[in-house]
Amino acid sequence: MNEGQNKFLSFITDRVQEGKLDEAKKLLGDAFQQQQAGQFDASKLASMTPQLLSLIKPESLDEVKEVCANFAQSDQMKGAVSNLMKGFGK
């Protein structure tokens, strides 16, 4: 796991609902492995994000959505995340 992935994991795990930590770590760990193998694309991000957001504490949702939207600024991810965030009222 690279430094950016570690920071993101820490950010997310600090905001996960009680009892959902293992699920969040597994979801992100799988995504990070795919990313390192060059297999993580916009469609995988789009399918993972709702799962991830369902694990976040309600009071932290807006903050996490904002971070996800910032990640989406990369050309590769921009379209998928923009469409996804519209579905979450962003």
PDB file of N, CA and C in Angstrom:
ATOM      1  N   MET A   1       0.847  -1.174   0.000  1.00  0.00           N
ATOM      2  CA  MET A   1       0.000   0.000   0.000  1.00  0.00           C
ATOM      3  C   MET A   1       0.894   1.239   0.000  1.00  0.00           C
ATOM      4  N   ASN A   2       0.565   2.202  -0.868  1.00  0.00           N
ATOM      5  CA  ASN A   2       1.389   3.409  -0.924  1.00  0.00           C
ATOM      6  C   ASN A   2       0.911   4.442   0.107  1.00  0.00           C
ATOM      7  N   GLU A   3       1.647   5.528   0.225  1.00  0.00           N
ATOM      8  CA  GLU A   3       1.355   6.540   1.236  1.00  0.00           C
ATOM      9  C   GLU A   3      -0.048   7.140   1.073  1.00  0.00           C
ATOM     10  N   GLY A   4      -0.428   7.435  -0.158  1.00  0.00           N
ATOM     11  CA  GLY A   4      -1.757   7.996  -0.405  1.00  0.00           C
ATOM     12  C   GLY A   4      -2.867   7.031  -0.009  1.00  0.00           C
ATOM     13  N   GLN A   5      -2.676   5.764  -0.302  1.00  0.00           N
ATOM     14  CA  GLN A   5      -3.658   4.750   0.065  1.00  0.00           C
ATOM     15  C   GLN A   5      -3.747   4.625   1.581  1.00  0.00           C
ATOM     16  N   ASN A   6      -2.615   4.671   2.267  1.00  0.00           N
ATOM     17  CA  ASN A   6      -2.616   4.615   3.730  1.00  0.00           C
ATOM     18  C   ASN A   6      -3.361   5.796   4.335  1.00  0.00           C
ATOM     19  N   LYS A   7      -3.139   6.987   3.783  1.00  0.00           N
ATOM     20  CA  LYS A   7      -3.828   8.179   4.284  1.00  0.00           C
ATOM     21  C   LYS A   7      -5.336   8.064   4.057  1.00  0.00           C
ATOM     22  N   PHE A   8      -5.731   7.586   2.872  1.00  0.00           N
ATOM     23  CA  PHE A   8      -7.147   7.439   2.578  1.00  0.00           C
ATOM     24  C   PHE A   8      -7.774   6.391   3.490  1.00  0.00           C
ATOM     25  N   LEU A   9      -7.091   5.275   3.698  1.00  0.00           N
ATOM     26  CA  LEU A   9      -7.589   4.229   4.588  1.00  0.00           C
ATOM     27  C   LEU A   9      -7.798   4.774   5.993  1.00  0.00           C
ATOM     28  N   SER A  10      -6.832   5.516   6.490  1.00  0.00           N
ATOM     29  CA  SER A  10      -6.942   6.106   7.823  1.00  0.00           C
ATOM     30  C   SER A  10      -8.106   7.092   7.892  1.00  0.00           C
ATOM     31  N   PHE A  11      -8.234   7.935   6.874  1.00  0.00           N
ATOM     32  CA  PHE A  11      -9.331   8.901   6.815  1.00  0.00           C
ATOM     33  C   PHE A  11     -10.679   8.181   6.876  1.00  0.00           C
ATOM     34  N   ILE A  12     -10.831   7.147   6.074  1.00  0.00           N
ATOM     35  CA  ILE A  12     -12.103   6.418   6.017  1.00  0.00           C
ATOM     36  C   ILE A  12     -12.359   5.661   7.313  1.00  0.00           C
ATOM     37  N   THR A  13     -11.363   4.937   7.812  1.00  0.00           N
ATOM     38  CA  THR A  13     -11.605   4.125   9.003  1.00  0.00           C
ATOM     39  C   THR A  13     -11.963   4.977  10.218  1.00  0.00           C
ATOM     40  N   ASP A  14     -11.518   6.216  10.249  1.00  0.00           N
ATOM     41  CA  ASP A  14     -11.894   7.126  11.335  1.00  0.00           C
ATOM     42  C   ASP A  14     -13.366   7.543  11.244  1.00  0.00           C
ATOM     43  N   ARG A  15     -14.004   7.295  10.103  1.00  0.00           N
ATOM     44  CA  ARG A  15     -15.373   7.752   9.869  1.00  0.00           C
ATOM     45  C   ARG A  15     -16.364   6.610   9.627  1.00  0.00           C
ATOM     46  N   VAL A  16     -15.928   5.395   9.850  1.00  0.00           N
ATOM     47  CA  VAL A  16     -16.764   4.219   9.604  1.00  0.00           C
ATOM     48  C   VAL A  16     -17.670   3.964  10.815  1.00  0.00           C
ATOM     49  N   GLN A  17     -18.879   3.484  10.527  1.00  0.00           N
ATOM     50  CA  GLN A  17     -19.825   3.133  11.580  1.00  0.00           C
ATOM     51  C   GLN A  17     -19.264   2.013  12.453  1.00  0.00           C
ATOM     52  N   GLU A  18     -19.677   2.021  13.703  1.00  0.00           N
ATOM     53  CA  GLU A  18     -19.255   0.971  14.626  1.00  0.00           C
ATOM     54  C   GLU A  18     -19.672  -0.394  14.073  1.00  0.00           C
ATOM     55  N   GLY A  19     -18.753  -1.330  14.129  1.00  0.00           N
ATOM     56  CA  GLY A  19     -19.026  -2.682  13.665  1.00  0.00           C
ATOM     57  C   GLY A  19     -18.811  -2.888  12.171  1.00  0.00           C
ATOM     58  N   LYS A  20     -18.429  -1.858  11.437  1.00  0.00           N
ATOM     59  CA  LYS A  20     -18.257  -1.939   9.984  1.00  0.00           C
ATOM     60  C   LYS A  20     -16.802  -1.809   9.548  1.00  0.00           C
ATOM     61  N   LEU A  21     -15.894  -1.741  10.513  1.00  0.00           N
ATOM     62  CA  LEU A  21     -14.489  -1.480  10.200  1.00  0.00           C
ATOM     63  C   LEU A  21     -13.872  -2.574   9.334  1.00  0.00           C
ATOM     64  N   ASP A  22     -14.087  -3.827   9.686  1.00  0.00           N
ATOM     65  CA  ASP A  22     -13.499  -4.917   8.895  1.00  0.00           C
ATOM     66  C   ASP A  22     -14.009  -4.908   7.464  1.00  0.00           C
ATOM     67  N   GLU A  23     -15.289  -4.632   7.296  1.00  0.00           N
ATOM     68  CA  GLU A  23     -15.885  -4.576   5.957  1.00  0.00           C
ATOM     69  C   GLU A  23     -15.268  -3.445   5.135  1.00  0.00           C
ATOM     70  N   ALA A  24     -15.070  -2.296   5.769  1.00  0.00           N
ATOM     71  CA  ALA A  24     -14.471  -1.154   5.076  1.00  0.00           C
ATOM     72  C   ALA A  24     -13.022  -1.445   4.691  1.00  0.00           C
ATOM     73  N   LYS A  25     -12.271  -2.046   5.598  1.00  0.00           N
ATOM     74  CA  LYS A  25     -10.867  -2.371   5.301  1.00  0.00           C
ATOM     75  C   LYS A  25     -10.765  -3.371   4.151  1.00  0.00           C
ATOM     76  N   LYS A  26     -11.650  -4.350   4.121  1.00  0.00           N
ATOM     77  CA  LYS A  26     -11.634  -5.338   3.037  1.00  0.00           C
ATOM     78  C   LYS A  26     -11.971  -4.671   1.711  1.00  0.00           C
ATOM     79  N   LEU A  27     -13.017  -3.857   1.694  1.00  0.00           N
ATOM     80  CA  LEU A  27     -13.428  -3.169   0.472  1.00  0.00           C
ATOM     81  C   LEU A  27     -12.301  -2.294  -0.069  1.00  0.00           C
ATOM     82  N   LEU A  28     -11.682  -1.519   0.794  1.00  0.00           N
ATOM     83  CA  LEU A  28     -10.596  -0.640   0.359  1.00  0.00           C
ATOM     84  C   LEU A  28      -9.346  -1.439  -0.002  1.00  0.00           C
ATOM     85  N   GLY A  29      -9.058  -2.477   0.754  1.00  0.00           N
ATOM     86  CA  GLY A  29      -7.893  -3.311   0.439  1.00  0.00           C
ATOM     87  C   GLY A  29      -8.008  -3.925  -0.947  1.00  0.00           C
ATOM     88  N   ASP A  30      -9.201  -4.419  -1.273  1.00  0.00           N
ATOM     89  CA  ASP A  30      -9.431  -4.979  -2.610  1.00  0.00           C
ATOM     90  C   ASP A  30      -9.245  -3.912  -3.689  1.00  0.00           C
ATOM     91  N   ALA A  31      -9.795  -2.724  -3.425  1.00  0.00           N
ATOM     92  CA  ALA A  31      -9.674  -1.628  -4.396  1.00  0.00           C
ATOM     93  C   ALA A  31      -8.213  -1.218  -4.586  1.00  0.00           C
ATOM     94  N   PHE A  32      -7.458  -1.161  -3.495  1.00  0.00           N
ATOM     95  CA  PHE A  32      -6.051  -0.777  -3.591  1.00  0.00           C
ATOM     96  C   PHE A  32      -5.252  -1.815  -4.371  1.00  0.00           C
ATOM     97  N   GLN A  33      -5.547  -3.084  -4.170  1.00  0.00           N
ATOM     98  CA  GLN A  33      -4.862  -4.132  -4.930  1.00  0.00           C
ATOM     99  C   GLN A  33      -5.153  -4.002  -6.421  1.00  0.00           C
ATOM    100  N   GLN A  34      -6.414  -3.745  -6.754  1.00  0.00           N
ATOM    101  CA  GLN A  34      -6.787  -3.561  -8.158  1.00  0.00           C
ATOM    102  C   GLN A  34      -6.081  -2.337  -8.731  1.00  0.00           C
ATOM    103  N   GLN A  35      -6.008  -1.275  -7.937  1.00  0.00           N
ATOM    104  CA  GLN A  35      -5.350  -0.047  -8.391  1.00  0.00           C
ATOM    105  C   GLN A  35      -3.876  -0.308  -8.673  1.00  0.00           C
ATOM    106  N   GLN A  36      -3.207  -1.014  -7.785  1.00  0.00           N
ATOM    107  CA  GLN A  36      -1.783  -1.288  -7.975  1.00  0.00           C
ATOM    108  C   GLN A  36      -1.534  -2.209  -9.163  1.00  0.00           C
ATOM    109  N   ALA A  37      -2.516  -3.042  -9.491  1.00  0.00           N
ATOM    110  CA  ALA A  37      -2.389  -3.951 -10.635  1.00  0.00           C
ATOM    111  C   ALA A  37      -2.833  -3.284 -11.934  1.00  0.00           C
ATOM    112  N   GLY A  38      -3.255  -2.012 -11.847  1.00  0.00           N
ATOM    113  CA  GLY A  38      -3.713  -1.297 -13.032  1.00  0.00           C
ATOM    114  C   GLY A  38      -5.088  -1.732 -13.499  1.00  0.00           C
ATOM    115  N   GLN A  39      -5.863  -2.328 -12.604  1.00  0.00           N
ATOM    116  CA  GLN A  39      -7.183  -2.850 -12.962  1.00  0.00           C
ATOM    117  C   GLN A  39      -8.319  -2.059 -12.343  1.00  0.00           C
ATOM    118  N   PHE A  40      -8.029  -0.952 -11.717  1.00  0.00           N
ATOM    119  CA  PHE A  40      -9.061  -0.142 -11.069  1.00  0.00           C
ATOM    120  C   PHE A  40      -9.435   0.985 -12.012  1.00  0.00           C
ATOM    121  N   ASP A  41     -10.658   0.950 -12.494  1.00  0.00           N
ATOM    122  CA  ASP A  41     -11.101   1.950 -13.448  1.00  0.00           C
ATOM    123  C   ASP A  41     -12.361   2.643 -12.939  1.00  0.00           C
ATOM    124  N   ALA A  42     -12.911   3.522 -13.755  1.00  0.00           N
ATOM    125  CA  ALA A  42     -14.071   4.313 -13.360  1.00  0.00           C
ATOM    126  C   ALA A  42     -15.271   3.440 -13.025  1.00  0.00           C
ATOM    127  N   SER A  43     -15.476   2.354 -13.738  1.00  0.00           N
ATOM    128  CA  SER A  43     -16.628   1.494 -13.453  1.00  0.00           C
ATOM    129  C   SER A  43     -16.472   0.791 -12.105  1.00  0.00           C
ATOM    130  N   LYS A  44     -15.268   0.410 -11.753  1.00  0.00           N
ATOM    131  CA  LYS A  44     -15.034  -0.222 -10.452  1.00  0.00           C
ATOM    132  C   LYS A  44     -15.206   0.796  -9.331  1.00  0.00           C
ATOM    133  N   LEU A  45     -14.761   2.013  -9.565  1.00  0.00           N
ATOM    134  CA  LEU A  45     -14.971   3.072  -8.582  1.00  0.00           C
ATOM    135  C   LEU A  45     -16.464   3.326  -8.397  1.00  0.00           C
ATOM    136  N   ALA A  46     -17.188   3.370  -9.505  1.00  0.00           N
ATOM    137  CA  ALA A  46     -18.628   3.623  -9.432  1.00  0.00           C
ATOM    138  C   ALA A  46     -19.359   2.523  -8.676  1.00  0.00           C
ATOM    139  N   SER A  47     -18.922   1.285  -8.832  1.00  0.00           N
ATOM    140  CA  SER A  47     -19.603   0.192  -8.127  1.00  0.00           C
ATOM    141  C   SER A  47     -19.177   0.106  -6.663  1.00  0.00           C
ATOM    142  N   MET A  48     -17.979   0.557  -6.333  1.00  0.00           N
ATOM    143  CA  MET A  48     -17.484   0.485  -4.974  1.00  0.00           C
ATOM    144  C   MET A  48     -17.999   1.619  -4.087  1.00  0.00           C
ATOM    145  N   THR A  49     -18.164   2.790  -4.643  1.00  0.00           N
ATOM    146  CA  THR A  49     -18.478   3.971  -3.840  1.00  0.00           C
ATOM    147  C   THR A  49     -19.776   3.831  -3.037  1.00  0.00           C
ATOM    148  N   PRO A  50     -20.879   3.351  -3.610  1.00  0.00           N
ATOM    149  CA  PRO A  50     -22.089   3.206  -2.778  1.00  0.00           C
ATOM    150  C   PRO A  50     -21.880   2.252  -1.607  1.00  0.00           C
ATOM    151  N   GLN A  51     -21.124   1.178  -1.831  1.00  0.00           N
ATOM    152  CA  GLN A  51     -20.828   0.241  -0.748  1.00  0.00           C
ATOM    153  C   GLN A  51     -20.047   0.939   0.357  1.00  0.00           C
ATOM    154  N   LEU A  52     -19.043   1.711  -0.041  1.00  0.00           N
ATOM    155  CA  LEU A  52     -18.223   2.420   0.925  1.00  0.00           C
ATOM    156  C   LEU A  52     -19.053   3.443   1.700  1.00  0.00           C
ATOM    157  N   LEU A  53     -19.850   4.220   0.998  1.00  0.00           N
ATOM    158  CA  LEU A  53     -20.655   5.242   1.661  1.00  0.00           C
ATOM    159  C   LEU A  53     -21.667   4.637   2.625  1.00  0.00           C
ATOM    160  N   SER A  54     -22.117   3.424   2.352  1.00  0.00           N
ATOM    161  CA  SER A  54     -23.081   2.785   3.256  1.00  0.00           C
ATOM    162  C   SER A  54     -22.448   2.403   4.594  1.00  0.00           C
ATOM    163  N   LEU A  55     -21.122   2.413   4.664  1.00  0.00           N
ATOM    164  CA  LEU A  55     -20.408   2.054   5.888  1.00  0.00           C
ATOM    165  C   LEU A  55     -20.020   3.270   6.729  1.00  0.00           C
ATOM    166  N   ILE A  56     -20.225   4.452   6.188  1.00  0.00           N
ATOM    167  CA  ILE A  56     -19.773   5.693   6.831  1.00  0.00           C
ATOM    168  C   ILE A  56     -20.819   6.199   7.823  1.00  0.00           C
ATOM    169  N   LYS A  57     -20.342   6.774   8.917  1.00  0.00           N
ATOM    170  CA  LYS A  57     -21.238   7.390   9.903  1.00  0.00           C
ATOM    171  C   LYS A  57     -22.030   8.498   9.199  1.00  0.00           C
ATOM    172  N   PRO A  58     -23.315   8.606   9.502  1.00  0.00           N
ATOM    173  CA  PRO A  58     -24.136   9.635   8.842  1.00  0.00           C
ATOM    174  C   PRO A  58     -23.558  11.048   8.969  1.00  0.00           C
ATOM    175  N   GLU A  59     -22.990  11.360  10.114  1.00  0.00           N
ATOM    176  CA  GLU A  59     -22.461  12.712  10.323  1.00  0.00           C
ATOM    177  C   GLU A  59     -21.167  12.964   9.537  1.00  0.00           C
ATOM    178  N   SER A  60     -20.589  11.927   8.957  1.00  0.00           N
ATOM    179  CA  SER A  60     -19.350  12.071   8.190  1.00  0.00           C
ATOM    180  C   SER A  60     -19.556  11.942   6.679  1.00  0.00           C
ATOM    181  N   LEU A  61     -20.779  11.669   6.254  1.00  0.00           N
ATOM    182  CA  LEU A  61     -21.041  11.421   4.833  1.00  0.00           C
ATOM    183  C   LEU A  61     -20.631  12.569   3.929  1.00  0.00           C
ATOM    184  N   ASP A  62     -21.004  13.788   4.275  1.00  0.00           N
ATOM    185  CA  ASP A  62     -20.675  14.929   3.407  1.00  0.00           C
ATOM    186  C   ASP A  62     -19.172  15.093   3.246  1.00  0.00           C
ATOM    187  N   GLU A  63     -18.439  14.917   4.339  1.00  0.00           N
ATOM    188  CA  GLU A  63     -16.984  15.040   4.291  1.00  0.00           C
ATOM    189  C   GLU A  63     -16.372  13.963   3.390  1.00  0.00           C
ATOM    190  N   VAL A  64     -16.849  12.737   3.503  1.00  0.00           N
ATOM    191  CA  VAL A  64     -16.326  11.643   2.686  1.00  0.00           C
ATOM    192  C   VAL A  64     -16.704  11.841   1.223  1.00  0.00           C
ATOM    193  N   LYS A  65     -17.926  12.284   0.967  1.00  0.00           N
ATOM    194  CA  LYS A  65     -18.339  12.552  -0.418  1.00  0.00           C
ATOM    195  C   LYS A  65     -17.452  13.616  -1.048  1.00  0.00           C
ATOM    196  N   GLU A  66     -17.091  14.633  -0.264  1.00  0.00           N
ATOM    197  CA  GLU A  66     -16.232  15.697  -0.783  1.00  0.00           C
ATOM    198  C   GLU A  66     -14.850  15.156  -1.154  1.00  0.00           C
ATOM    199  N   VAL A  67     -14.301  14.299  -0.311  1.00  0.00           N
ATOM    200  CA  VAL A  67     -12.993  13.707  -0.602  1.00  0.00           C
ATOM    201  C   VAL A  67     -13.077  12.836  -1.854  1.00  0.00           C
ATOM    202  N   CYS A  68     -14.155  12.065  -1.966  1.00  0.00           N
ATOM    203  CA  CYS A  68     -14.338  11.232  -3.162  1.00  0.00           C
ATOM    204  C   CYS A  68     -14.463  12.103  -4.405  1.00  0.00           C
ATOM    205  N   ALA A  69     -15.174  13.209  -4.286  1.00  0.00           N
ATOM    206  CA  ALA A  69     -15.335  14.119  -5.423  1.00  0.00           C
ATOM    207  C   ALA A  69     -13.992  14.732  -5.814  1.00  0.00           C
ATOM    208  N   ASN A  70     -13.155  15.042  -4.832  1.00  0.00           N
ATOM    209  CA  ASN A  70     -11.824  15.583  -5.130  1.00  0.00           C
ATOM    210  C   ASN A  70     -10.967  14.554  -5.853  1.00  0.00           C
ATOM    211  N   PHE A  71     -11.079  13.296  -5.431  1.00  0.00           N
ATOM    212  CA  PHE A  71     -10.363  12.227  -6.127  1.00  0.00           C
ATOM    213  C   PHE A  71     -10.832  12.141  -7.570  1.00  0.00           C
ATOM    214  N   ALA A  72     -12.093  12.426  -7.772  1.00  0.00           N
ATOM    215  CA  ALA A  72     -12.683  12.333  -9.107  1.00  0.00           C
ATOM    216  C   ALA A  72     -12.137  13.378 -10.067  1.00  0.00           C
ATOM    217  N   GLN A  73     -11.372  14.322  -9.579  1.00  0.00           N
ATOM    218  CA  GLN A  73     -10.829  15.355 -10.455  1.00  0.00           C
ATOM    219  C   GLN A  73      -9.814  14.805 -11.446  1.00  0.00           C
ATOM    220  N   SER A  74      -9.334  13.599 -11.205  1.00  0.00           N
ATOM    221  CA  SER A  74      -8.435  12.997 -12.186  1.00  0.00           C
ATOM    222  C   SER A  74      -9.250  12.707 -13.438  1.00  0.00           C
ATOM    223  N   ASP A  75      -8.664  12.903 -14.602  1.00  0.00           N
ATOM    224  CA  ASP A  75      -9.382  12.720 -15.861  1.00  0.00           C
ATOM    225  C   ASP A  75      -9.996  11.334 -15.975  1.00  0.00           C
ATOM    226  N   GLN A  76      -9.292  10.326 -15.507  1.00  0.00           N
ATOM    227  CA  GLN A  76      -9.776   8.956 -15.631  1.00  0.00           C
ATOM    228  C   GLN A  76     -11.052   8.724 -14.834  1.00  0.00           C
ATOM    229  N   MET A  77     -11.171   9.347 -13.684  1.00  0.00           N
ATOM    230  CA  MET A  77     -12.290   9.069 -12.796  1.00  0.00           C
ATOM    231  C   MET A  77     -13.391  10.126 -12.841  1.00  0.00           C
ATOM    232  N   LYS A  78     -13.133  11.237 -13.473  1.00  0.00           N
ATOM    233  CA  LYS A  78     -14.042  12.386 -13.407  1.00  0.00           C
ATOM    234  C   LYS A  78     -15.475  12.057 -13.784  1.00  0.00           C
ATOM    235  N   GLY A  79     -15.708  11.456 -14.918  1.00  0.00           N
ATOM    236  CA  GLY A  79     -17.070  11.197 -15.374  1.00  0.00           C
ATOM    237  C   GLY A  79     -17.834  10.252 -14.470  1.00  0.00           C
ATOM    238  N   ALA A  80     -17.232   9.170 -14.082  1.00  0.00           N
ATOM    239  CA  ALA A  80     -17.921   8.166 -13.260  1.00  0.00           C
ATOM    240  C   ALA A  80     -18.310   8.732 -11.901  1.00  0.00           C
ATOM    241  N   VAL A  81     -17.399   9.423 -11.251  1.00  0.00           N
ATOM    242  CA  VAL A  81     -17.701   9.922  -9.924  1.00  0.00           C
ATOM    243  C   VAL A  81     -18.676  11.090  -9.981  1.00  0.00           C
ATOM    244  N   SER A  82     -18.569  11.931 -10.974  1.00  0.00           N
ATOM    245  CA  SER A  82     -19.520  13.038 -11.101  1.00  0.00           C
ATOM    246  C   SER A  82     -20.936  12.501 -11.232  1.00  0.00           C
ATOM    247  N   ASN A  83     -21.110  11.506 -12.069  1.00  0.00           N
ATOM    248  CA  ASN A  83     -22.431  10.900 -12.220  1.00  0.00           C
ATOM    249  C   ASN A  83     -22.874  10.226 -10.933  1.00  0.00           C
ATOM    250  N   LEU A  84     -21.968   9.578 -10.266  1.00  0.00           N
ATOM    251  CA  LEU A  84     -22.281   8.881  -9.029  1.00  0.00           C
ATOM    252  C   LEU A  84     -22.692   9.872  -7.951  1.00  0.00           C
ATOM    253  N   MET A  85     -21.964  10.964  -7.807  1.00  0.00           N
ATOM    254  CA  MET A  85     -22.262  11.934  -6.763  1.00  0.00           C
ATOM    255  C   MET A  85     -23.625  12.600  -7.016  1.00  0.00           C
ATOM    256  N   LYS A  86     -24.032  12.733  -8.256  1.00  0.00           N
ATOM    257  CA  LYS A  86     -25.368  13.280  -8.530  1.00  0.00           C
ATOM    258  C   LYS A  86     -26.424  12.405  -7.893  1.00  0.00           C
ATOM    259  N   GLY A  87     -26.184  11.118  -7.883  1.00  0.00           N
ATOM    260  CA  GLY A  87     -27.118  10.179  -7.277  1.00  0.00           C
ATOM    261  C   GLY A  87     -27.175  10.305  -5.767  1.00  0.00           C
ATOM    262  N   PHE A  88     -26.179  10.938  -5.152  1.00  0.00           N
ATOM    263  CA  PHE A  88     -26.147  11.134  -3.710  1.00  0.00           C
ATOM    264  C   PHE A  88     -26.448  12.579  -3.345  1.00  0.00           C
ATOM    265  N   GLY A  89     -27.014  13.329  -4.285  1.00  0.00           N
ATOM    266  CA  GLY A  89     -27.408  14.698  -3.994  1.00  0.00           C
ATOM    267  C   GLY A  89     -26.261  15.675  -3.926  1.00  0.00           C
ATOM    268  N   LYS A  90     -25.145  15.345  -4.514  1.00  0.00           N
ATOM    269  CA  LYS A  90     -23.958  16.218  -4.527  1.00  0.00           C
ATOM    270  C   LYS A  90     -23.936  17.024  -5.790  1.00  0.00           C
TER     271      LYS A  90
END
